[in-house]
PDB file of all heavy atoms in Angstrom:
ATOM      1  N   VAL A   1      12.184  12.895   3.230  1.00  0.00           N
ATOM      2  CA  VAL A   1      11.171  13.286   2.278  1.00  0.00           C
ATOM      3  C   VAL A   1      10.059  12.156   2.311  1.00  0.00           C
ATOM      4  O   VAL A   1      10.413  11.031   2.267  1.00  0.00           O
ATOM      5  CB  VAL A   1      11.666  13.416   0.830  1.00  0.00           C
ATOM      6  CG1 VAL A   1      10.480  13.711  -0.106  1.00  0.00           C
ATOM      7  CG2 VAL A   1      12.619  14.544   0.722  1.00  0.00           C
ATOM      8  N   LEU A   2       8.812  12.553   2.554  1.00  0.00           N
ATOM      9  CA  LEU A   2       7.792  11.587   2.662  1.00  0.00           C
ATOM     10  C   LEU A   2       6.774  11.743   1.428  1.00  0.00           C
ATOM     11  O   LEU A   2       6.304  12.820   1.097  1.00  0.00           O
ATOM     12  CB  LEU A   2       6.931  11.864   3.938  1.00  0.00           C
ATOM     13  CG  LEU A   2       5.923  10.843   4.330  1.00  0.00           C
ATOM     14  CD1 LEU A   2       6.589   9.522   4.685  1.00  0.00           C
ATOM     15  CD2 LEU A   2       5.077  11.333   5.593  1.00  0.00           C
ATOM     16  N   VAL A   3       6.543  10.581   0.728  1.00  0.00           N
ATOM     17  CA  VAL A   3       5.567  10.578  -0.400  1.00  0.00           C
ATOM     18  C   VAL A   3       4.458   9.697   0.048  1.00  0.00           C
ATOM     19  O   VAL A   3       4.692   8.515   0.388  1.00  0.00           O
ATOM     20  CB  VAL A   3       6.255   9.999  -1.625  1.00  0.00           C
ATOM     21  CG1 VAL A   3       5.296   9.935  -2.805  1.00  0.00           C
ATOM     22  CG2 VAL A   3       7.495  10.852  -2.029  1.00  0.00           C
ATOM     23  N   VAL A   4       3.288  10.255   0.057  1.00  0.00           N
ATOM     24  CA  VAL A   4       2.123   9.551   0.518  1.00  0.00           C
ATOM     25  C   VAL A   4       1.257   9.085  -0.714  1.00  0.00           C
ATOM     26  O   VAL A   4       0.961   9.932  -1.601  1.00  0.00           O
ATOM     27  CB  VAL A   4       1.257  10.349   1.426  1.00  0.00           C
ATOM     28  CG1 VAL A   4      -0.041   9.526   1.870  1.00  0.00           C
ATOM     29  CG2 VAL A   4       1.973  10.719   2.675  1.00  0.00           C
ATOM     30  N   ARG A   5       0.896   7.795  -0.831  1.00  0.00           N
ATOM     31  CA  ARG A   5      -0.002   7.301  -1.893  1.00  0.00           C
ATOM     32  C   ARG A   5      -1.255   6.873  -1.171  1.00  0.00           C
ATOM     33  O   ARG A   5      -1.381   6.405  -0.075  1.00  0.00           O
ATOM     34  CB  ARG A   5       0.623   6.091  -2.495  1.00  0.00           C
ATOM     35  CG  ARG A   5       1.967   6.324  -3.280  1.00  0.00           C
ATOM     36  CD  ARG A   5       1.696   7.009  -4.502  1.00  0.00           C
ATOM     37  NE  ARG A   5       0.796   6.312  -5.429  1.00  0.00           N
ATOM     38  CZ  ARG A   5       1.297   5.394  -6.362  1.00  0.00           C
ATOM     39  NH1 ARG A   5       2.534   5.084  -6.436  1.00  0.00           N
ATOM     40  NH2 ARG A   5       0.382   4.783  -7.048  1.00  0.00           N
ATOM     41  N   ARG A   6      -2.333   7.191  -1.850  1.00  0.00           N
ATOM     42  CA  ARG A   6      -3.700   6.755  -1.382  1.00  0.00           C
ATOM     43  C   ARG A   6      -3.845   5.246  -1.582  1.00  0.00           C
ATOM     44  O   ARG A   6      -3.653   4.704  -2.642  1.00  0.00           O
ATOM     45  CB  ARG A   6      -4.805   7.486  -2.142  1.00  0.00           C
ATOM     46  CG  ARG A   6      -6.241   7.161  -1.870  1.00  0.00           C
ATOM     47  CD  ARG A   6      -6.549   7.301  -0.318  1.00  0.00           C
ATOM     48  NE  ARG A   6      -6.181   8.622   0.118  1.00  0.00           N
ATOM     49  CZ  ARG A   6      -6.920   9.771  -0.142  1.00  0.00           C
ATOM     50  NH1 ARG A   6      -8.052   9.755  -0.737  1.00  0.00           N
ATOM     51  NH2 ARG A   6      -6.537  10.978   0.321  1.00  0.00           N
ATOM     52  N   VAL A   7      -4.192   4.541  -0.533  1.00  0.00           N
ATOM     53  CA  VAL A   7      -4.386   3.074  -0.629  1.00  0.00           C
ATOM     54  C   VAL A   7      -5.709   2.805  -0.043  1.00  0.00           C
ATOM     55  O   VAL A   7      -6.341   3.515   0.765  1.00  0.00           O
ATOM     56  CB  VAL A   7      -3.221   2.318   0.159  1.00  0.00           C
ATOM     57  CG1 VAL A   7      -1.884   2.633  -0.491  1.00  0.00           C
ATOM     58  CG2 VAL A   7      -3.249   2.597   1.638  1.00  0.00           C
ATOM     59  N   ASN A   8      -6.147   1.530  -0.281  1.00  0.00           N
ATOM     60  CA  ASN A   8      -7.240   0.819   0.465  1.00  0.00           C
ATOM     61  C   ASN A   8      -6.883  -0.667   0.365  1.00  0.00           C
ATOM     62  O   ASN A   8      -5.827  -1.010  -0.210  1.00  0.00           O
ATOM     63  CB  ASN A   8      -8.566   1.153  -0.198  1.00  0.00           C
ATOM     64  CG  ASN A   8      -8.657   0.879  -1.708  1.00  0.00           C
ATOM     65  OD1 ASN A   8      -8.234  -0.207  -2.108  1.00  0.00           O
ATOM     66  ND2 ASN A   8      -9.077   1.930  -2.413  1.00  0.00           N
ATOM     67  N   TYR A   9      -7.806  -1.556   0.843  1.00  0.00           N
ATOM     68  CA  TYR A   9      -7.369  -2.890   0.921  1.00  0.00           C
ATOM     69  C   TYR A   9      -7.249  -3.560  -0.474  1.00  0.00           C
ATOM     70  O   TYR A   9      -6.664  -4.646  -0.634  1.00  0.00           O
ATOM     71  CB  TYR A   9      -8.315  -3.674   1.806  1.00  0.00           C
ATOM     72  CG  TYR A   9      -9.599  -4.149   1.272  1.00  0.00           C
ATOM     73  CD1 TYR A   9      -9.761  -5.416   0.779  1.00  0.00           C
ATOM     74  CD2 TYR A   9     -10.598  -3.204   1.090  1.00  0.00           C
ATOM     75  CE1 TYR A   9     -11.027  -5.775   0.241  1.00  0.00           C
ATOM     76  CE2 TYR A   9     -11.894  -3.603   0.539  1.00  0.00           C
ATOM     77  CZ  TYR A   9     -11.977  -4.945   0.117  1.00  0.00           C
ATOM     78  OH  TYR A   9     -13.291  -5.215  -0.395  1.00  0.00           O
ATOM     79  N   ILE A  10      -7.887  -2.927  -1.484  1.00  0.00           N
ATOM     80  CA  ILE A  10      -7.708  -3.393  -2.842  1.00  0.00           C
ATOM     81  C   ILE A  10      -6.367  -2.973  -3.428  1.00  0.00           C
ATOM     82  O   ILE A  10      -5.654  -3.810  -4.150  1.00  0.00           O
ATOM     83  CB  ILE A  10      -8.858  -2.861  -3.700  1.00  0.00           C
ATOM     84  CG1 ILE A  10     -10.241  -3.303  -3.143  1.00  0.00           C
ATOM     85  CG2 ILE A  10      -8.775  -3.409  -5.175  1.00  0.00           C
ATOM     86  CD1 ILE A  10     -11.423  -2.678  -3.795  1.00  0.00           C
ATOM     87  N   LEU A  11      -6.023  -1.749  -3.342  1.00  0.00           N
ATOM     88  CA  LEU A  11      -4.782  -1.160  -3.846  1.00  0.00           C
ATOM     89  C   LEU A  11      -3.520  -1.744  -3.159  1.00  0.00           C
ATOM     90  O   LEU A  11      -2.442  -1.770  -3.715  1.00  0.00           O
ATOM     91  CB  LEU A  11      -4.815   0.308  -3.929  1.00  0.00           C
ATOM     92  CG  LEU A  11      -5.927   0.933  -4.779  1.00  0.00           C
ATOM     93  CD1 LEU A  11      -5.869   2.422  -4.563  1.00  0.00           C
ATOM     94  CD2 LEU A  11      -5.741   0.567  -6.238  1.00  0.00           C
ATOM     95  N   MET A  12      -3.677  -1.857  -1.802  1.00  0.00           N
ATOM     96  CA  MET A  12      -2.464  -2.141  -0.964  1.00  0.00           C
ATOM     97  C   MET A  12      -1.622  -3.291  -1.497  1.00  0.00           C
ATOM     98  O   MET A  12      -0.406  -3.127  -1.562  1.00  0.00           O
ATOM     99  CB  MET A  12      -2.912  -2.340   0.494  1.00  0.00           C
ATOM    100  CG  MET A  12      -1.768  -2.669   1.376  1.00  0.00           C
ATOM    101  SD  MET A  12      -1.186  -1.125   2.210  1.00  0.00           S
ATOM    102  CE  MET A  12      -2.429  -0.932   3.458  1.00  0.00           C
ATOM    103  N   PRO A  13      -2.210  -4.449  -1.836  1.00  0.00           N
ATOM    104  CA  PRO A  13      -1.235  -5.583  -2.183  1.00  0.00           C
ATOM    105  C   PRO A  13      -0.417  -5.318  -3.377  1.00  0.00           C
ATOM    106  O   PRO A  13       0.813  -5.577  -3.325  1.00  0.00           O
ATOM    107  CB  PRO A  13      -2.248  -6.765  -2.385  1.00  0.00           C
ATOM    108  CG  PRO A  13      -3.521  -6.387  -1.620  1.00  0.00           C
ATOM    109  CD  PRO A  13      -3.568  -4.929  -1.654  1.00  0.00           C
ATOM    110  N   SER A  14      -0.983  -4.708  -4.370  1.00  0.00           N
ATOM    111  CA  SER A  14      -0.164  -4.486  -5.594  1.00  0.00           C
ATOM    112  C   SER A  14       0.901  -3.482  -5.406  1.00  0.00           C
ATOM    113  O   SER A  14       1.989  -3.567  -5.910  1.00  0.00           O
ATOM    114  CB  SER A  14      -1.086  -4.060  -6.804  1.00  0.00           C
ATOM    115  OG  SER A  14      -1.796  -2.930  -6.474  1.00  0.00           O
ATOM    116  N   LEU A  15       0.571  -2.340  -4.635  1.00  0.00           N
ATOM    117  CA  LEU A  15       1.567  -1.293  -4.361  1.00  0.00           C
ATOM    118  C   LEU A  15       2.696  -1.858  -3.545  1.00  0.00           C
ATOM    119  O   LEU A  15       3.888  -1.506  -3.705  1.00  0.00           O
ATOM    120  CB  LEU A  15       0.946  -0.166  -3.648  1.00  0.00           C
ATOM    121  CG  LEU A  15      -0.122   0.670  -4.540  1.00  0.00           C
ATOM    122  CD1 LEU A  15      -0.809   1.679  -3.676  1.00  0.00           C
ATOM    123  CD2 LEU A  15       0.615   1.309  -5.704  1.00  0.00           C
ATOM    124  N   LEU A  16       2.397  -2.739  -2.550  1.00  0.00           N
ATOM    125  CA  LEU A  16       3.473  -3.365  -1.775  1.00  0.00           C
ATOM    126  C   LEU A  16       4.334  -4.263  -2.616  1.00  0.00           C
ATOM    127  O   LEU A  16       5.590  -4.306  -2.567  1.00  0.00           O
ATOM    128  CB  LEU A  16       2.909  -4.097  -0.578  1.00  0.00           C
ATOM    129  CG  LEU A  16       2.390  -3.260   0.571  1.00  0.00           C
ATOM    130  CD1 LEU A  16       1.619  -4.144   1.570  1.00  0.00           C
ATOM    131  CD2 LEU A  16       3.511  -2.493   1.346  1.00  0.00           C
ATOM    132  N   ALA A  17       3.683  -5.053  -3.401  1.00  0.00           N
ATOM    133  CA  ALA A  17       4.370  -6.129  -4.212  1.00  0.00           C
ATOM    134  C   ALA A  17       5.227  -5.476  -5.240  1.00  0.00           C
ATOM    135  O   ALA A  17       6.396  -5.873  -5.546  1.00  0.00           O
ATOM    136  CB  ALA A  17       3.343  -7.028  -4.941  1.00  0.00           C
ATOM    137  N   SER A  18       4.832  -4.301  -5.750  1.00  0.00           N
ATOM    138  CA  SER A  18       5.657  -3.668  -6.808  1.00  0.00           C
ATOM    139  C   SER A  18       6.731  -2.692  -6.196  1.00  0.00           C
ATOM    140  O   SER A  18       7.589  -2.253  -6.972  1.00  0.00           O
ATOM    141  CB  SER A  18       4.687  -2.780  -7.738  1.00  0.00           C
ATOM    142  OG  SER A  18       4.152  -1.729  -6.964  1.00  0.00           O
ATOM    143  N   GLY A  19       6.602  -2.501  -4.931  1.00  0.00           N
ATOM    144  CA  GLY A  19       7.700  -1.737  -4.319  1.00  0.00           C
ATOM    145  C   GLY A  19       7.348  -0.234  -4.368  1.00  0.00           C
ATOM    146  O   GLY A  19       8.141   0.662  -3.983  1.00  0.00           O
ATOM    147  N   GLU A  20       6.160   0.113  -4.881  1.00  0.00           N
ATOM    148  CA  GLU A  20       5.796   1.576  -4.940  1.00  0.00           C
ATOM    149  C   GLU A  20       5.601   2.125  -3.630  1.00  0.00           C
ATOM    150  O   GLU A  20       5.620   3.411  -3.395  1.00  0.00           O
ATOM    151  CB  GLU A  20       4.568   1.698  -5.811  1.00  0.00           C
ATOM    152  CG  GLU A  20       4.736   1.321  -7.270  1.00  0.00           C
ATOM    153  CD  GLU A  20       3.515   1.445  -8.131  1.00  0.00           C
ATOM    154  OE1 GLU A  20       2.938   2.561  -8.241  1.00  0.00           O
ATOM    155  OE2 GLU A  20       3.008   0.353  -8.505  1.00  0.00           O
ATOM    156  N   ILE A  21       5.229   1.345  -2.601  1.00  0.00           N
ATOM    157  CA  ILE A  21       5.239   1.790  -1.198  1.00  0.00           C
ATOM    158  C   ILE A  21       6.005   0.759  -0.408  1.00  0.00           C
ATOM    159  O   ILE A  21       5.965  -0.419  -0.765  1.00  0.00           O
ATOM    160  CB  ILE A  21       3.857   1.971  -0.693  1.00  0.00           C
ATOM    161  CG1 ILE A  21       3.011   0.715  -0.740  1.00  0.00           C
ATOM    162  CG2 ILE A  21       3.072   3.110  -1.460  1.00  0.00           C
ATOM    163  CD1 ILE A  21       1.571   0.747  -0.016  1.00  0.00           C
ATOM    164  N   SER A  22       6.574   1.123   0.707  1.00  0.00           N
ATOM    165  CA  SER A  22       7.273   0.194   1.583  1.00  0.00           C
ATOM    166  C   SER A  22       6.429  -0.104   2.829  1.00  0.00           C
ATOM    167  O   SER A  22       6.714  -1.159   3.505  1.00  0.00           O
ATOM    168  CB  SER A  22       8.637   0.708   2.041  1.00  0.00           C
ATOM    169  OG  SER A  22       8.528   2.024   2.652  1.00  0.00           O
ATOM    170  N   ILE A  23       5.449   0.658   3.158  1.00  0.00           N
ATOM    171  CA  ILE A  23       4.579   0.415   4.279  1.00  0.00           C
ATOM    172  C   ILE A  23       3.194   0.998   3.973  1.00  0.00           C
ATOM    173  O   ILE A  23       3.121   2.034   3.289  1.00  0.00           O
ATOM    174  CB  ILE A  23       5.140   1.032   5.539  1.00  0.00           C
ATOM    175  CG1 ILE A  23       4.359   0.534   6.839  1.00  0.00           C
ATOM    176  CG2 ILE A  23       5.242   2.499   5.504  1.00  0.00           C
ATOM    177  CD1 ILE A  23       5.078   0.872   8.166  1.00  0.00           C
ATOM    178  N   GLY A  24       2.197   0.442   4.477  1.00  0.00           N
ATOM    179  CA  GLY A  24       0.834   0.965   4.319  1.00  0.00           C
ATOM    180  C   GLY A  24       0.014   0.876   5.608  1.00  0.00           C
ATOM    181  O   GLY A  24       0.272  -0.073   6.324  1.00  0.00           O
ATOM    182  N   VAL A  25      -0.807   1.825   5.774  1.00  0.00           N
ATOM    183  CA  VAL A  25      -1.707   1.859   6.949  1.00  0.00           C
ATOM    184  C   VAL A  25      -3.088   1.993   6.426  1.00  0.00           C
ATOM    185  O   VAL A  25      -3.536   2.963   5.939  1.00  0.00           O
ATOM    186  CB  VAL A  25      -1.433   3.051   7.875  1.00  0.00           C
ATOM    187  CG1 VAL A  25      -2.232   2.915   9.200  1.00  0.00           C
ATOM    188  CG2 VAL A  25       0.055   3.026   8.339  1.00  0.00           C
ATOM    189  N   SER A  26      -3.867   0.864   6.597  1.00  0.00           N
ATOM    190  CA  SER A  26      -5.295   0.833   6.080  1.00  0.00           C
ATOM    191  C   SER A  26      -5.800  -0.470   6.613  1.00  0.00           C
ATOM    192  O   SER A  26      -5.069  -1.361   7.127  1.00  0.00           O
ATOM    193  CB  SER A  26      -5.276   0.848   4.572  1.00  0.00           C
ATOM    194  OG  SER A  26      -6.541   0.636   4.122  1.00  0.00           O
ATOM    195  N   TYR A  27      -7.135  -0.687   6.443  1.00  0.00           N
ATOM    196  CA  TYR A  27      -7.675  -1.959   6.561  1.00  0.00           C
ATOM    197  C   TYR A  27      -7.100  -2.816   5.443  1.00  0.00           C
ATOM    198  O   TYR A  27      -6.918  -2.387   4.355  1.00  0.00           O
ATOM    199  CB  TYR A  27      -9.191  -1.923   6.319  1.00  0.00           C
ATOM    200  CG  TYR A  27      -9.867  -3.305   6.260  1.00  0.00           C
ATOM    201  CD1 TYR A  27     -10.310  -3.947   7.477  1.00  0.00           C
ATOM    202  CD2 TYR A  27     -10.052  -3.864   5.073  1.00  0.00           C
ATOM    203  CE1 TYR A  27     -10.877  -5.172   7.406  1.00  0.00           C
ATOM    204  CE2 TYR A  27     -10.636  -5.180   5.024  1.00  0.00           C
ATOM    205  CZ  TYR A  27     -11.016  -5.776   6.204  1.00  0.00           C
ATOM    206  OH  TYR A  27     -11.594  -7.128   6.105  1.00  0.00           O
ATOM    207  N   THR A  28      -6.710  -4.054   5.818  1.00  0.00           N
ATOM    208  CA  THR A  28      -6.058  -4.919   4.795  1.00  0.00           C
ATOM    209  C   THR A  28      -6.765  -6.344   4.753  1.00  0.00           C
ATOM    210  O   THR A  28      -7.389  -6.740   5.727  1.00  0.00           O
ATOM    211  CB  THR A  28      -4.600  -5.219   5.178  1.00  0.00           C
ATOM    212  OG1 THR A  28      -4.454  -5.715   6.534  1.00  0.00           O
ATOM    213  CG2 THR A  28      -3.798  -3.927   5.112  1.00  0.00           C
ATOM    214  N   ALA A  29      -6.719  -6.924   3.577  1.00  0.00           N
ATOM    215  CA  ALA A  29      -7.194  -8.259   3.474  1.00  0.00           C
ATOM    216  C   ALA A  29      -6.074  -9.124   3.020  1.00  0.00           C
ATOM    217  O   ALA A  29      -5.093  -9.401   3.706  1.00  0.00           O
ATOM    218  CB  ALA A  29      -8.363  -8.331   2.384  1.00  0.00           C
ATOM    219  N   ASP A  30      -5.991  -9.625   1.798  1.00  0.00           N
ATOM    220  CA  ASP A  30      -4.859 -10.373   1.249  1.00  0.00           C
ATOM    221  C   ASP A  30      -3.779  -9.494   0.992  1.00  0.00           C
ATOM    222  O   ASP A  30      -3.875  -8.384   0.469  1.00  0.00           O
ATOM    223  CB  ASP A  30      -5.309 -11.048  -0.094  1.00  0.00           C
ATOM    224  CG  ASP A  30      -6.316 -12.119   0.086  1.00  0.00           C
ATOM    225  OD1 ASP A  30      -6.317 -12.693   1.239  1.00  0.00           O
ATOM    226  OD2 ASP A  30      -7.092 -12.444  -0.812  1.00  0.00           O
ATOM    227  N   LEU A  31      -2.551  -9.991   1.373  1.00  0.00           N
ATOM    228  CA  LEU A  31      -1.304  -9.228   1.217  1.00  0.00           C
ATOM    229  C   LEU A  31      -0.303 -10.152   0.445  1.00  0.00           C
ATOM    230  O   LEU A  31      -0.398 -11.337   0.357  1.00  0.00           O
ATOM    231  CB  LEU A  31      -0.648  -8.806   2.485  1.00  0.00           C
ATOM    232  CG  LEU A  31      -1.540  -7.663   3.244  1.00  0.00           C
ATOM    233  CD1 LEU A  31      -0.834  -7.383   4.603  1.00  0.00           C
ATOM    234  CD2 LEU A  31      -1.534  -6.453   2.466  1.00  0.00           C
TER     235      LEU A  31
END
């Protein structure tokens, strides 16, 4: 089962840190 969350480089760090996503594909800055 695949659950997709909308991310961008602003949202990506907090979603990864909280465990809400395990991988993200987007432009990234601070992680």
